[in-house]
Amino acid sequence: MASVIEVSRQRFEELVAEALDTIPPDLTRAMSNVIVTVVDDPPEPDLLGLYTGVPLTERGDWYSAVLPDRIEIYRNPICEICDTEEAVIEEVRITVVHEVGHHFGIDDARLHELGW
């Protein structure tokens, strides 16, 4: 059995920030009213990340004075499925891009077709 890699919360937050930096600037400029945060454990098993909010494609004139959308990246489950820091870096990148895709209104089926 492979060993689970330990990544400190600070290092994991750096990896999430680095993953966000890989998103093209045109897309990051289009992101609106969303926060990205690291959480140790998910609210339910088998989640690596979670987007909650109103996707950009569903926002209309009614959209104002609302709390920010939230992207949570779950540290412990990602570390549990990885056995090297390189694997953690790649899984964080995939998870961040996947959840940002939801912010842009892309569903799971399409994200998986695209490799995310």
C-alpha atoms as a PDB file:
ATOM      1  CA  MET A   1       0.000   0.000   0.000  1.00  0.00           C
ATOM      2  CA  ALA A   2       1.319   3.438  -0.927  1.00  0.00           C
ATOM      3  CA  SER A   3       1.951   5.921   1.813  1.00  0.00           C
ATOM      4  CA  VAL A   4      -0.130   9.064   2.167  1.00  0.00           C
ATOM      5  CA  ILE A   5       1.777  12.276   1.690  1.00  0.00           C
ATOM      6  CA  GLU A   6       1.641  14.953   4.358  1.00  0.00           C
ATOM      7  CA  VAL A   7       1.339  18.516   3.058  1.00  0.00           C
ATOM      8  CA  SER A   8       1.047  21.367   5.550  1.00  0.00           C
ATOM      9  CA  ARG A   9      -1.937  23.655   5.320  1.00  0.00           C
ATOM     10  CA  GLN A  10       0.331  26.577   4.363  1.00  0.00           C
ATOM     11  CA  ARG A  11       2.010  24.594   1.562  1.00  0.00           C
ATOM     12  CA  PHE A  12      -1.363  23.325   0.345  1.00  0.00           C
ATOM     13  CA  GLU A  13      -2.708  26.901   0.203  1.00  0.00           C
ATOM     14  CA  GLU A  14       0.372  27.834  -1.847  1.00  0.00           C
ATOM     15  CA  LEU A  15      -0.387  24.974  -4.248  1.00  0.00           C
ATOM     16  CA  VAL A  16      -3.970  26.199  -4.651  1.00  0.00           C
ATOM     17  CA  ALA A  17      -2.708  29.739  -5.357  1.00  0.00           C
ATOM     18  CA  GLU A  18      -0.225  28.358  -7.895  1.00  0.00           C
ATOM     19  CA  ALA A  19      -3.014  26.372  -9.567  1.00  0.00           C
ATOM     20  CA  LEU A  20      -5.131  29.522  -9.809  1.00  0.00           C
ATOM     21  CA  ASP A  21      -2.159  31.274 -11.415  1.00  0.00           C
ATOM     22  CA  THR A  22      -2.197  28.698 -14.250  1.00  0.00           C
ATOM     23  CA  ILE A  23      -5.677  29.821 -15.337  1.00  0.00           C
ATOM     24  CA  PRO A  24      -5.443  32.191 -18.322  1.00  0.00           C
ATOM     25  CA  PRO A  25      -5.709  35.873 -17.298  1.00  0.00           C
ATOM     26  CA  ASP A  26      -8.740  36.448 -19.549  1.00  0.00           C
ATOM     27  CA  LEU A  27     -10.639  33.851 -17.543  1.00  0.00           C
ATOM     28  CA  THR A  28      -9.502  35.021 -14.127  1.00  0.00           C
ATOM     29  CA  ARG A  29     -10.560  38.559 -15.032  1.00  0.00           C
ATOM     30  CA  ALA A  30     -14.013  37.195 -15.872  1.00  0.00           C
ATOM     31  CA  MET A  31     -14.360  35.502 -12.484  1.00  0.00           C
ATOM     32  CA  SER A  32     -16.714  37.533 -10.331  1.00  0.00           C
ATOM     33  CA  ASN A  33     -17.810  37.455  -6.702  1.00  0.00           C
ATOM     34  CA  VAL A  34     -16.112  34.166  -5.865  1.00  0.00           C
ATOM     35  CA  ILE A  35     -13.691  33.106  -3.148  1.00  0.00           C
ATOM     36  CA  VAL A  36     -11.402  30.092  -3.179  1.00  0.00           C
ATOM     37  CA  THR A  37     -10.546  28.517   0.143  1.00  0.00           C
ATOM     38  CA  VAL A  38      -8.792  25.456   1.525  1.00  0.00           C
ATOM     39  CA  VAL A  39     -10.770  23.251   3.901  1.00  0.00           C
ATOM     40  CA  ASP A  40      -9.294  20.197   5.577  1.00  0.00           C
ATOM     41  CA  ASP A  41     -12.264  17.824   5.225  1.00  0.00           C
ATOM     42  CA  PRO A  42     -15.275  17.760   2.879  1.00  0.00           C
ATOM     43  CA  PRO A  43     -18.895  17.806   4.063  1.00  0.00           C
ATOM     44  CA  GLU A  44     -19.374  14.384   2.463  1.00  0.00           C
ATOM     45  CA  PRO A  45     -16.994  11.581   1.455  1.00  0.00           C
ATOM     46  CA  ASP A  46     -15.265  11.367  -1.914  1.00  0.00           C
ATOM     47  CA  LEU A  47     -15.158  15.109  -2.602  1.00  0.00           C
ATOM     48  CA  LEU A  48     -11.875  16.775  -3.548  1.00  0.00           C
ATOM     49  CA  GLY A  49     -13.462  20.163  -4.176  1.00  0.00           C
ATOM     50  CA  LEU A  50     -16.856  21.853  -4.192  1.00  0.00           C
ATOM     51  CA  TYR A  51     -18.338  24.888  -5.912  1.00  0.00           C
ATOM     52  CA  THR A  52     -21.378  26.518  -4.337  1.00  0.00           C
ATOM     53  CA  GLY A  53     -23.021  29.608  -5.722  1.00  0.00           C
ATOM     54  CA  VAL A  54     -24.634  30.987  -8.851  1.00  0.00           C
ATOM     55  CA  PRO A  55     -22.612  30.247 -11.999  1.00  0.00           C
ATOM     56  CA  LEU A  56     -21.797  33.217 -14.224  1.00  0.00           C
ATOM     57  CA  THR A  57     -24.047  31.791 -16.950  1.00  0.00           C
ATOM     58  CA  GLU A  58     -27.087  31.912 -14.626  1.00  0.00           C
ATOM     59  CA  ARG A  59     -26.664  35.424 -13.279  1.00  0.00           C
ATOM     60  CA  GLY A  60     -29.137  38.003 -14.460  1.00  0.00           C
ATOM     61  CA  ASP A  61     -30.308  41.490 -13.621  1.00  0.00           C
ATOM     62  CA  TRP A  62     -31.525  40.153 -10.265  1.00  0.00           C
ATOM     63  CA  TYR A  63     -27.979  39.270  -9.247  1.00  0.00           C
ATOM     64  CA  SER A  64     -26.808  41.865  -6.733  1.00  0.00           C
ATOM     65  CA  ALA A  65     -26.030  42.089  -3.025  1.00  0.00           C
ATOM     66  CA  VAL A  66     -25.397  38.352  -2.770  1.00  0.00           C
ATOM     67  CA  LEU A  67     -22.717  36.556  -0.818  1.00  0.00           C
ATOM     68  CA  PRO A  68     -19.729  35.426  -2.874  1.00  0.00           C
ATOM     69  CA  ASP A  69     -19.715  32.053  -4.558  1.00  0.00           C
ATOM     70  CA  ARG A  70     -17.387  29.653  -2.802  1.00  0.00           C
ATOM     71  CA  ILE A  71     -14.869  27.161  -4.130  1.00  0.00           C
ATOM     72  CA  GLU A  72     -13.555  24.819  -1.463  1.00  0.00           C
ATOM     73  CA  ILE A  73     -10.519  22.624  -2.084  1.00  0.00           C
ATOM     74  CA  TYR A  74     -10.271  19.740   0.386  1.00  0.00           C
ATOM     75  CA  ARG A  75      -6.745  19.125   1.650  1.00  0.00           C
ATOM     76  CA  ASN A  76      -7.046  15.783   3.441  1.00  0.00           C
ATOM     77  CA  PRO A  77      -8.804  13.791   0.687  1.00  0.00           C
ATOM     78  CA  ILE A  78      -6.359  15.060  -1.926  1.00  0.00           C
ATOM     79  CA  CYS A  79      -3.377  14.124   0.242  1.00  0.00           C
ATOM     80  CA  GLU A  80      -4.950  10.717   0.943  1.00  0.00           C
ATOM     81  CA  ILE A  81      -5.054   9.768  -2.753  1.00  0.00           C
ATOM     82  CA  CYS A  82      -1.529  11.009  -3.530  1.00  0.00           C
ATOM     83  CA  ASP A  83       1.812   9.481  -2.632  1.00  0.00           C
ATOM     84  CA  THR A  84       4.139  12.259  -3.817  1.00  0.00           C
ATOM     85  CA  GLU A  85       4.079  16.041  -3.645  1.00  0.00           C
ATOM     86  CA  GLU A  86       4.099  16.076  -7.463  1.00  0.00           C
ATOM     87  CA  ALA A  87       0.875  14.053  -7.426  1.00  0.00           C
ATOM     88  CA  VAL A  88      -0.643  16.518  -4.923  1.00  0.00           C
ATOM     89  CA  ILE A  89       0.361  19.454  -7.166  1.00  0.00           C
ATOM     90  CA  GLU A  90      -1.327  17.817 -10.174  1.00  0.00           C
ATOM     91  CA  GLU A  91      -4.478  16.836  -8.260  1.00  0.00           C
ATOM     92  CA  VAL A  92      -4.799  20.334  -6.783  1.00  0.00           C
ATOM     93  CA  ARG A  93      -4.480  21.833 -10.278  1.00  0.00           C
ATOM     94  CA  ILE A  94      -7.100  19.489 -11.725  1.00  0.00           C
ATOM     95  CA  THR A  95      -9.481  20.120  -8.819  1.00  0.00           C
ATOM     96  CA  VAL A  96      -9.068  23.919  -8.903  1.00  0.00           C
ATOM     97  CA  VAL A  97      -9.654  24.081 -12.665  1.00  0.00           C
ATOM     98  CA  HIS A  98     -12.640  21.731 -12.342  1.00  0.00           C
ATOM     99  CA  GLU A  99     -14.308  23.863  -9.665  1.00  0.00           C
ATOM    100  CA  VAL A 100     -13.544  27.120 -11.507  1.00  0.00           C
ATOM    101  CA  GLY A 101     -15.218  25.506 -14.518  1.00  0.00           C
ATOM    102  CA  HIS A 102     -18.399  25.182 -12.461  1.00  0.00           C
ATOM    103  CA  HIS A 103     -18.182  28.918 -11.704  1.00  0.00           C
ATOM    104  CA  PHE A 104     -18.303  29.441 -15.484  1.00  0.00           C
ATOM    105  CA  GLY A 105     -21.377  27.201 -15.736  1.00  0.00           C
ATOM    106  CA  ILE A 106     -19.687  24.066 -17.075  1.00  0.00           C
ATOM    107  CA  ASP A 107     -21.250  20.839 -15.766  1.00  0.00           C
ATOM    108  CA  ASP A 108     -19.414  17.729 -14.565  1.00  0.00           C
ATOM    109  CA  ALA A 109     -20.010  15.743 -17.759  1.00  0.00           C
ATOM    110  CA  ARG A 110     -18.437  18.431 -19.955  1.00  0.00           C
ATOM    111  CA  LEU A 111     -15.552  18.998 -17.538  1.00  0.00           C
ATOM    112  CA  HIS A 112     -14.746  15.276 -17.600  1.00  0.00           C
ATOM    113  CA  GLU A 113     -14.912  15.298 -21.423  1.00  0.00           C
ATOM    114  CA  LEU A 114     -12.342  18.100 -21.332  1.00  0.00           C
ATOM    115  CA  GLY A 115     -10.120  16.124 -18.954  1.00  0.00           C
ATOM    116  CA  TRP A 116     -10.912  18.067 -15.785  1.00  0.00           C
END
